[in-house]
PDB file of N, CA and C in Angstrom:
ATOM      1  N   MET A   1       0.490  34.594 -29.177  1.00  0.00           N
ATOM      2  CA  MET A   1       1.209  34.548 -27.915  1.00  0.00           C
ATOM      3  C   MET A   1       2.397  33.597 -28.056  1.00  0.00           C
ATOM      4  N   LYS A   2       3.557  34.049 -27.603  1.00  0.00           N
ATOM      5  CA  LYS A   2       4.764  33.231 -27.712  1.00  0.00           C
ATOM      6  C   LYS A   2       4.771  32.130 -26.661  1.00  0.00           C
ATOM      7  N   ALA A   3       5.435  31.042 -27.016  1.00  0.00           N
ATOM      8  CA  ALA A   3       5.590  29.928 -26.073  1.00  0.00           C
ATOM      9  C   ALA A   3       6.542  30.347 -24.952  1.00  0.00           C
ATOM     10  N   PRO A   4       6.369  29.789 -23.762  1.00  0.00           N
ATOM     11  CA  PRO A   4       7.284  30.101 -22.656  1.00  0.00           C
ATOM     12  C   PRO A   4       8.724  29.748 -23.031  1.00  0.00           C
ATOM     13  N   LEU A   5       9.652  30.501 -22.488  1.00  0.00           N
ATOM     14  CA  LEU A   5      11.070  30.318 -22.782  1.00  0.00           C
ATOM     15  C   LEU A   5      11.731  29.501 -21.681  1.00  0.00           C
ATOM     16  N   PHE A   6      12.359  28.402 -22.074  1.00  0.00           N
ATOM     17  CA  PHE A   6      13.085  27.545 -21.131  1.00  0.00           C
ATOM     18  C   PHE A   6      14.396  27.111 -21.769  1.00  0.00           C
ATOM     19  N   VAL A   7      15.361  26.716 -20.943  1.00  0.00           N
ATOM     20  CA  VAL A   7      16.574  26.090 -21.476  1.00  0.00           C
ATOM     21  C   VAL A   7      16.240  24.637 -21.789  1.00  0.00           C
ATOM     22  N   ARG A   8      17.091  24.007 -22.573  1.00  0.00           N
ATOM     23  CA  ARG A   8      16.896  22.589 -22.889  1.00  0.00           C
ATOM     24  C   ARG A   8      17.164  21.751 -21.640  1.00  0.00           C
ATOM     25  N   ALA A   9      16.832  20.489 -21.709  1.00  0.00           N
ATOM     26  CA  ALA A   9      17.117  19.586 -20.589  1.00  0.00           C
ATOM     27  C   ALA A   9      18.627  19.504 -20.394  1.00  0.00           C
ATOM     28  N   LEU A  10      19.061  19.589 -19.152  1.00  0.00           N
ATOM     29  CA  LEU A  10      20.488  19.552 -18.835  1.00  0.00           C
ATOM     30  C   LEU A  10      20.922  18.130 -18.502  1.00  0.00           C
ATOM     31  N   SER A  11      22.136  17.802 -18.888  1.00  0.00           N
ATOM     32  CA  SER A  11      22.689  16.500 -18.505  1.00  0.00           C
ATOM     33  C   SER A  11      23.056  16.557 -17.022  1.00  0.00           C
ATOM     34  N   LYS A  12      23.289  15.394 -16.452  1.00  0.00           N
ATOM     35  CA  LYS A  12      23.682  15.340 -15.041  1.00  0.00           C
ATOM     36  C   LYS A  12      24.995  16.090 -14.835  1.00  0.00           C
ATOM     37  N   LEU A  13      25.917  15.937 -15.758  1.00  0.00           N
ATOM     38  CA  LEU A  13      27.215  16.608 -15.672  1.00  0.00           C
ATOM     39  C   LEU A  13      27.056  18.130 -15.725  1.00  0.00           C
ATOM     40  N   GLU A  14      26.193  18.608 -16.624  1.00  0.00           N
ATOM     41  CA  GLU A  14      25.941  20.051 -16.726  1.00  0.00           C
ATOM     42  C   GLU A  14      25.303  20.581 -15.445  1.00  0.00           C
ATOM     43  N   THR A  15      24.351  19.830 -14.921  1.00  0.00           N
ATOM     44  CA  THR A  15      23.683  20.248 -13.688  1.00  0.00           C
ATOM     45  C   THR A  15      24.676  20.353 -12.545  1.00  0.00           C
ATOM     46  N   GLU A  16      25.535  19.361 -12.407  1.00  0.00           N
ATOM     47  CA  GLU A  16      26.537  19.379 -11.338  1.00  0.00           C
ATOM     48  C   GLU A  16      27.513  20.539 -11.517  1.00  0.00           C
ATOM     49  N   ALA A  17      27.920  20.806 -12.754  1.00  0.00           N
ATOM     50  CA  ALA A  17      28.833  21.921 -13.024  1.00  0.00           C
ATOM     51  C   ALA A  17      28.177  23.257 -12.680  1.00  0.00           C
ATOM     52  N   LEU A  18      26.907  23.398 -13.019  1.00  0.00           N
ATOM     53  CA  LEU A  18      26.191  24.633 -12.700  1.00  0.00           C
ATOM     54  C   LEU A  18      26.019  24.797 -11.193  1.00  0.00           C
ATOM     55  N   LYS A  19      25.710  23.716 -10.503  1.00  0.00           N
ATOM     56  CA  LYS A  19      25.575  23.783  -9.045  1.00  0.00           C
ATOM     57  C   LYS A  19      26.897  24.181  -8.403  1.00  0.00           C
ATOM     58  N   ALA A  20      27.999  23.651  -8.927  1.00  0.00           N
ATOM     59  CA  ALA A  20      29.319  24.017  -8.408  1.00  0.00           C
ATOM     60  C   ALA A  20      29.605  25.494  -8.676  1.00  0.00           C
ATOM     61  N   SER A  21      29.216  25.969  -9.847  1.00  0.00           N
ATOM     62  CA  SER A  21      29.437  27.373 -10.192  1.00  0.00           C
ATOM     63  C   SER A  21      28.573  28.310  -9.356  1.00  0.00           C
ATOM     64  N   CYS A  22      27.495  27.792  -8.792  1.00  0.00           N
ATOM     65  CA  CYS A  22      26.641  28.605  -7.921  1.00  0.00           C
ATOM     66  C   CYS A  22      27.360  28.981  -6.625  1.00  0.00           C
ATOM     67  N   ARG A  23      28.493  28.355  -6.371  1.00  0.00           N
ATOM     68  CA  ARG A  23      29.285  28.709  -5.190  1.00  0.00           C
ATOM     69  C   ARG A  23      30.345  29.762  -5.517  1.00  0.00           C
ATOM     70  N   SER A  24      30.287  30.286  -6.722  1.00  0.00           N
ATOM     71  CA  SER A  24      31.252  31.287  -7.173  1.00  0.00           C
ATOM     72  C   SER A  24      31.118  32.576  -6.361  1.00  0.00           C
ATOM     73  N   ARG A  25      32.220  33.253  -6.198  1.00  0.00           N
ATOM     74  CA  ARG A  25      32.208  34.561  -5.526  1.00  0.00           C
ATOM     75  C   ARG A  25      31.770  35.660  -6.483  1.00  0.00           C
ATOM     76  N   ASP A  26      31.807  35.357  -7.774  1.00  0.00           N
ATOM     77  CA  ASP A  26      31.414  36.330  -8.787  1.00  0.00           C
ATOM     78  C   ASP A  26      29.886  36.380  -8.882  1.00  0.00           C
ATOM     79  N   ALA A  27      29.332  37.542  -8.620  1.00  0.00           N
ATOM     80  CA  ALA A  27      27.874  37.692  -8.585  1.00  0.00           C
ATOM     81  C   ALA A  27      27.222  37.378  -9.930  1.00  0.00           C
ATOM     82  N   LEU A  28      27.875  37.758 -11.021  1.00  0.00           N
ATOM     83  CA  LEU A  28      27.301  37.510 -12.343  1.00  0.00           C
ATOM     84  C   LEU A  28      27.252  36.013 -12.652  1.00  0.00           C
ATOM     85  N   THR A  29      28.315  35.304 -12.323  1.00  0.00           N
ATOM     86  CA  THR A  29      28.342  33.850 -12.522  1.00  0.00           C
ATOM     87  C   THR A  29      27.262  33.181 -11.685  1.00  0.00           C
ATOM     88  N   LEU A  30      27.154  33.585 -10.448  1.00  0.00           N
ATOM     89  CA  LEU A  30      26.133  33.045  -9.548  1.00  0.00           C
ATOM     90  C   LEU A  30      24.738  33.257 -10.127  1.00  0.00           C
ATOM     91  N   ARG A  31      24.443  34.475 -10.570  1.00  0.00           N
ATOM     92  CA  ARG A  31      23.115  34.796 -11.106  1.00  0.00           C
ATOM     93  C   ARG A  31      22.815  33.979 -12.357  1.00  0.00           C
ATOM     94  N   ARG A  32      23.791  33.855 -13.248  1.00  0.00           N
ATOM     95  CA  ARG A  32      23.579  33.070 -14.468  1.00  0.00           C
ATOM     96  C   ARG A  32      23.253  31.621 -14.139  1.00  0.00           C
ATOM     97  N   CYS A  33      24.004  31.051 -13.219  1.00  0.00           N
ATOM     98  CA  CYS A  33      23.771  29.654 -12.831  1.00  0.00           C
ATOM     99  C   CYS A  33      22.387  29.479 -12.222  1.00  0.00           C
ATOM    100  N   GLN A  34      22.003  30.390 -11.356  1.00  0.00           N
ATOM    101  CA  GLN A  34      20.689  30.311 -10.719  1.00  0.00           C
ATOM    102  C   GLN A  34      19.577  30.362 -11.763  1.00  0.00           C
ATOM    103  N   ILE A  35      19.721  31.238 -12.738  1.00  0.00           N
ATOM    104  CA  ILE A  35      18.698  31.392 -13.773  1.00  0.00           C
ATOM    105  C   ILE A  35      18.611  30.138 -14.640  1.00  0.00           C
ATOM    106  N   ILE A  36      19.746  29.623 -15.068  1.00  0.00           N
ATOM    107  CA  ILE A  36      19.744  28.436 -15.931  1.00  0.00           C
ATOM    108  C   ILE A  36      19.183  27.227 -15.193  1.00  0.00           C
ATOM    109  N   LEU A  37      19.584  27.039 -13.949  1.00  0.00           N
ATOM    110  CA  LEU A  37      19.060  25.909 -13.172  1.00  0.00           C
ATOM    111  C   LEU A  37      17.555  26.040 -12.944  1.00  0.00           C
ATOM    112  N   ALA A  38      17.096  27.246 -12.625  1.00  0.00           N
ATOM    113  CA  ALA A  38      15.661  27.453 -12.402  1.00  0.00           C
ATOM    114  C   ALA A  38      14.870  27.177 -13.680  1.00  0.00           C
ATOM    115  N   SER A  39      15.384  27.644 -14.806  1.00  0.00           N
ATOM    116  CA  SER A  39      14.707  27.412 -16.079  1.00  0.00           C
ATOM    117  C   SER A  39      14.670  25.925 -16.414  1.00  0.00           C
ATOM    118  N   SER A  40      15.751  25.220 -16.116  1.00  0.00           N
ATOM    119  CA  SER A  40      15.790  23.780 -16.413  1.00  0.00           C
ATOM    120  C   SER A  40      14.795  22.998 -15.562  1.00  0.00           C
ATOM    121  N   LYS A  41      14.377  23.589 -14.439  1.00  0.00           N
ATOM    122  CA  LYS A  41      13.388  22.944 -13.568  1.00  0.00           C
ATOM    123  C   LYS A  41      11.959  23.320 -13.961  1.00  0.00           C
ATOM    124  N   GLY A  42      11.825  24.105 -15.036  1.00  0.00           N
ATOM    125  CA  GLY A  42      10.502  24.447 -15.536  1.00  0.00           C
ATOM    126  C   GLY A  42       9.923  25.749 -15.029  1.00  0.00           C
ATOM    127  N   GLN A  43      10.705  26.540 -14.326  1.00  0.00           N
ATOM    128  CA  GLN A  43      10.202  27.832 -13.860  1.00  0.00           C
ATOM    129  C   GLN A  43      10.121  28.801 -15.037  1.00  0.00           C
ATOM    130  N   LYS A  44       9.065  29.572 -15.081  1.00  0.00           N
ATOM    131  CA  LYS A  44       8.871  30.554 -16.139  1.00  0.00           C
ATOM    132  C   LYS A  44       9.740  31.783 -15.879  1.00  0.00           C
ATOM    133  N   VAL A  45       9.953  32.550 -16.940  1.00  0.00           N
ATOM    134  CA  VAL A  45      10.785  33.753 -16.857  1.00  0.00           C
ATOM    135  C   VAL A  45      10.306  34.673 -15.739  1.00  0.00           C
ATOM    136  N   SER A  46       9.010  34.913 -15.663  1.00  0.00           N
ATOM    137  CA  SER A  46       8.478  35.827 -14.644  1.00  0.00           C
ATOM    138  C   SER A  46       8.709  35.295 -13.229  1.00  0.00           C
ATOM    139  N   GLN A  47       8.600  33.990 -13.046  1.00  0.00           N
ATOM    140  CA  GLN A  47       8.842  33.393 -11.725  1.00  0.00           C
ATOM    141  C   GLN A  47      10.308  33.543 -11.322  1.00  0.00           C
ATOM    142  N   ILE A  48      11.202  33.289 -12.269  1.00  0.00           N
ATOM    143  CA  ILE A  48      12.631  33.401 -11.985  1.00  0.00           C
ATOM    144  C   ILE A  48      12.985  34.842 -11.643  1.00  0.00           C
ATOM    145  N   ALA A  49      12.499  35.778 -12.449  1.00  0.00           N
ATOM    146  CA  ALA A  49      12.792  37.197 -12.217  1.00  0.00           C
ATOM    147  C   ALA A  49      12.308  37.634 -10.836  1.00  0.00           C
ATOM    148  N   ARG A  50      11.125  37.207 -10.479  1.00  0.00           N
ATOM    149  CA  ARG A  50      10.572  37.576  -9.175  1.00  0.00           C
ATOM    150  C   ARG A  50      11.396  36.985  -8.039  1.00  0.00           C
ATOM    151  N   SER A  51      11.738  35.717  -8.136  1.00  0.00           N
ATOM    152  CA  SER A  51      12.448  35.059  -7.037  1.00  0.00           C
ATOM    153  C   SER A  51      13.892  35.538  -6.903  1.00  0.00           C
ATOM    154  N   LEU A  52      14.507  35.963  -8.004  1.00  0.00           N
ATOM    155  CA  LEU A  52      15.899  36.424  -7.954  1.00  0.00           C
ATOM    156  C   LEU A  52      16.024  37.946  -7.942  1.00  0.00           C
ATOM    157  N   HIS A  53      14.886  38.629  -7.929  1.00  0.00           N
ATOM    158  CA  HIS A  53      14.858  40.098  -7.867  1.00  0.00           C
ATOM    159  C   HIS A  53      15.655  40.727  -9.009  1.00  0.00           C
ATOM    160  N   CYS A  54      15.341  40.279 -10.223  1.00  0.00           N
ATOM    161  CA  CYS A  54      15.959  40.878 -11.403  1.00  0.00           C
ATOM    162  C   CYS A  54      14.865  41.066 -12.455  1.00  0.00           C
ATOM    163  N   SER A  55      15.213  41.697 -13.550  1.00  0.00           N
ATOM    164  CA  SER A  55      14.205  41.949 -14.581  1.00  0.00           C
ATOM    165  C   SER A  55      13.947  40.695 -15.424  1.00  0.00           C
ATOM    166  N   LYS A  56      12.773  40.660 -16.011  1.00  0.00           N
ATOM    167  CA  LYS A  56      12.436  39.552 -16.906  1.00  0.00           C
ATOM    168  C   LYS A  56      13.362  39.559 -18.123  1.00  0.00           C
ATOM    169  N   GLN A  57      13.754  40.749 -18.571  1.00  0.00           N
ATOM    170  CA  GLN A  57      14.651  40.842 -19.720  1.00  0.00           C
ATOM    171  C   GLN A  57      16.020  40.252 -19.402  1.00  0.00           C
ATOM    172  N   THR A  58      16.499  40.445 -18.186  1.00  0.00           N
ATOM    173  CA  THR A  58      17.771  39.842 -17.773  1.00  0.00           C
ATOM    174  C   THR A  58      17.678  38.325 -17.856  1.00  0.00           C
ATOM    175  N   VAL A  59      16.593  37.777 -17.360  1.00  0.00           N
ATOM    176  CA  VAL A  59      16.390  36.321 -17.397  1.00  0.00           C
ATOM    177  C   VAL A  59      16.349  35.843 -18.844  1.00  0.00           C
ATOM    178  N   ARG A  60      15.596  36.533 -19.691  1.00  0.00           N
ATOM    179  CA  ARG A  60      15.508  36.150 -21.105  1.00  0.00           C
ATOM    180  C   ARG A  60      16.886  36.195 -21.772  1.00  0.00           C
ATOM    181  N   ASN A  61      17.638  37.260 -21.511  1.00  0.00           N
ATOM    182  CA  ASN A  61      18.961  37.405 -22.126  1.00  0.00           C
ATOM    183  C   ASN A  61      19.881  36.245 -21.751  1.00  0.00           C
ATOM    184  N   ILE A  62      19.871  35.865 -20.490  1.00  0.00           N
ATOM    185  CA  ILE A  62      20.739  34.779 -20.028  1.00  0.00           C
ATOM    186  C   ILE A  62      20.303  33.445 -20.624  1.00  0.00           C
ATOM    187  N   ILE A  63      19.005  33.201 -20.686  1.00  0.00           N
ATOM    188  CA  ILE A  63      18.513  31.955 -21.282  1.00  0.00           C
ATOM    189  C   ILE A  63      18.864  31.909 -22.770  1.00  0.00           C
ATOM    190  N   HIS A  64      18.636  33.014 -23.487  1.00  0.00           N
ATOM    191  CA  HIS A  64      18.965  33.049 -24.917  1.00  0.00           C
ATOM    192  C   HIS A  64      20.457  32.812 -25.146  1.00  0.00           C
ATOM    193  N   ALA A  65      21.302  33.418 -24.326  1.00  0.00           N
ATOM    194  CA  ALA A  65      22.755  33.232 -24.464  1.00  0.00           C
ATOM    195  C   ALA A  65      23.135  31.775 -24.230  1.00  0.00           C
ATOM    196  N   PHE A  66      22.522  31.149 -23.243  1.00  0.00           N
ATOM    197  CA  PHE A  66      22.805  29.741 -22.948  1.00  0.00           C
ATOM    198  C   PHE A  66      22.373  28.851 -24.110  1.00  0.00           C
ATOM    199  N   VAL A  67      21.187  29.106 -24.637  1.00  0.00           N
ATOM    200  CA  VAL A  67      20.667  28.311 -25.758  1.00  0.00           C
ATOM    201  C   VAL A  67      21.571  28.478 -26.979  1.00  0.00           C
ATOM    202  N   LYS A  68      21.973  29.708 -27.266  1.00  0.00           N
ATOM    203  CA  LYS A  68      22.833  29.978 -28.418  1.00  0.00           C
ATOM    204  C   LYS A  68      24.176  29.265 -28.276  1.00  0.00           C
ATOM    205  N   LYS A  69      24.766  29.337 -27.100  1.00  0.00           N
ATOM    206  CA  LYS A  69      26.054  28.683 -26.868  1.00  0.00           C
ATOM    207  C   LYS A  69      25.899  27.160 -26.956  1.00  0.00           C
ATOM    208  N   SER A  70      24.801  26.634 -26.448  1.00  0.00           N
ATOM    209  CA  SER A  70      24.554  25.187 -26.496  1.00  0.00           C
ATOM    210  C   SER A  70      24.452  24.697 -27.935  1.00  0.00           C
ATOM    211  N   LYS A  71      23.799  25.471 -28.782  1.00  0.00           N
ATOM    212  CA  LYS A  71      23.648  25.081 -30.186  1.00  0.00           C
ATOM    213  C   LYS A  71      25.005  25.043 -30.878  1.00  0.00           C
ATOM    214  N   LYS A  72      25.868  25.996 -30.566  1.00  0.00           N
ATOM    215  CA  LYS A  72      27.209  26.008 -31.157  1.00  0.00           C
ATOM    216  C   LYS A  72      27.989  24.780 -30.717  1.00  0.00           C
ATOM    217  N   LEU A  73      27.880  24.422 -29.450  1.00  0.00           N
ATOM    218  CA  LEU A  73      28.600  23.260 -28.936  1.00  0.00           C
ATOM    219  C   LEU A  73      28.067  21.971 -29.542  1.00  0.00           C
ATOM    220  N   ASP A  74      26.743  21.877 -29.718  1.00  0.00           N
ATOM    221  CA  ASP A  74      26.147  20.693 -30.344  1.00  0.00           C
ATOM    222  C   ASP A  74      26.637  20.552 -31.785  1.00  0.00           C
ATOM    223  N   TYR A  75      26.765  21.673 -32.461  1.00  0.00           N
ATOM    224  CA  TYR A  75      27.208  21.663 -33.851  1.00  0.00           C
ATOM    225  C   TYR A  75      28.650  21.167 -33.959  1.00  0.00           C
ATOM    226  N   LEU A  76      29.483  21.531 -32.987  1.00  0.00           N
ATOM    227  CA  LEU A  76      30.892  21.154 -33.018  1.00  0.00           C
ATOM    228  C   LEU A  76      31.129  19.708 -32.613  1.00  0.00           C
ATOM    229  N   SER A  77      30.174  19.090 -31.918  1.00  0.00           N
ATOM    230  CA  SER A  77      30.410  17.711 -31.472  1.00  0.00           C
ATOM    231  C   SER A  77      29.985  16.681 -32.486  1.00  0.00           C
TER     232      SER A  77
END
């Protein structure tokens, strides 16, 4: 059985930026922010999908994309 999928711990600056982006008029940006913030609070993929009325695969895809992008940024710093 695979371990639950979560994003890494977010910095205060990242959290504030994501919260600000949650006010976006763009539905995709809003959904991504909601998923990342929920995951950072320890919600499981199935819980996030249920509460946001989207598929579990959508949640997984967004979390994986965030993790991948974060690793690239860590490597560059």
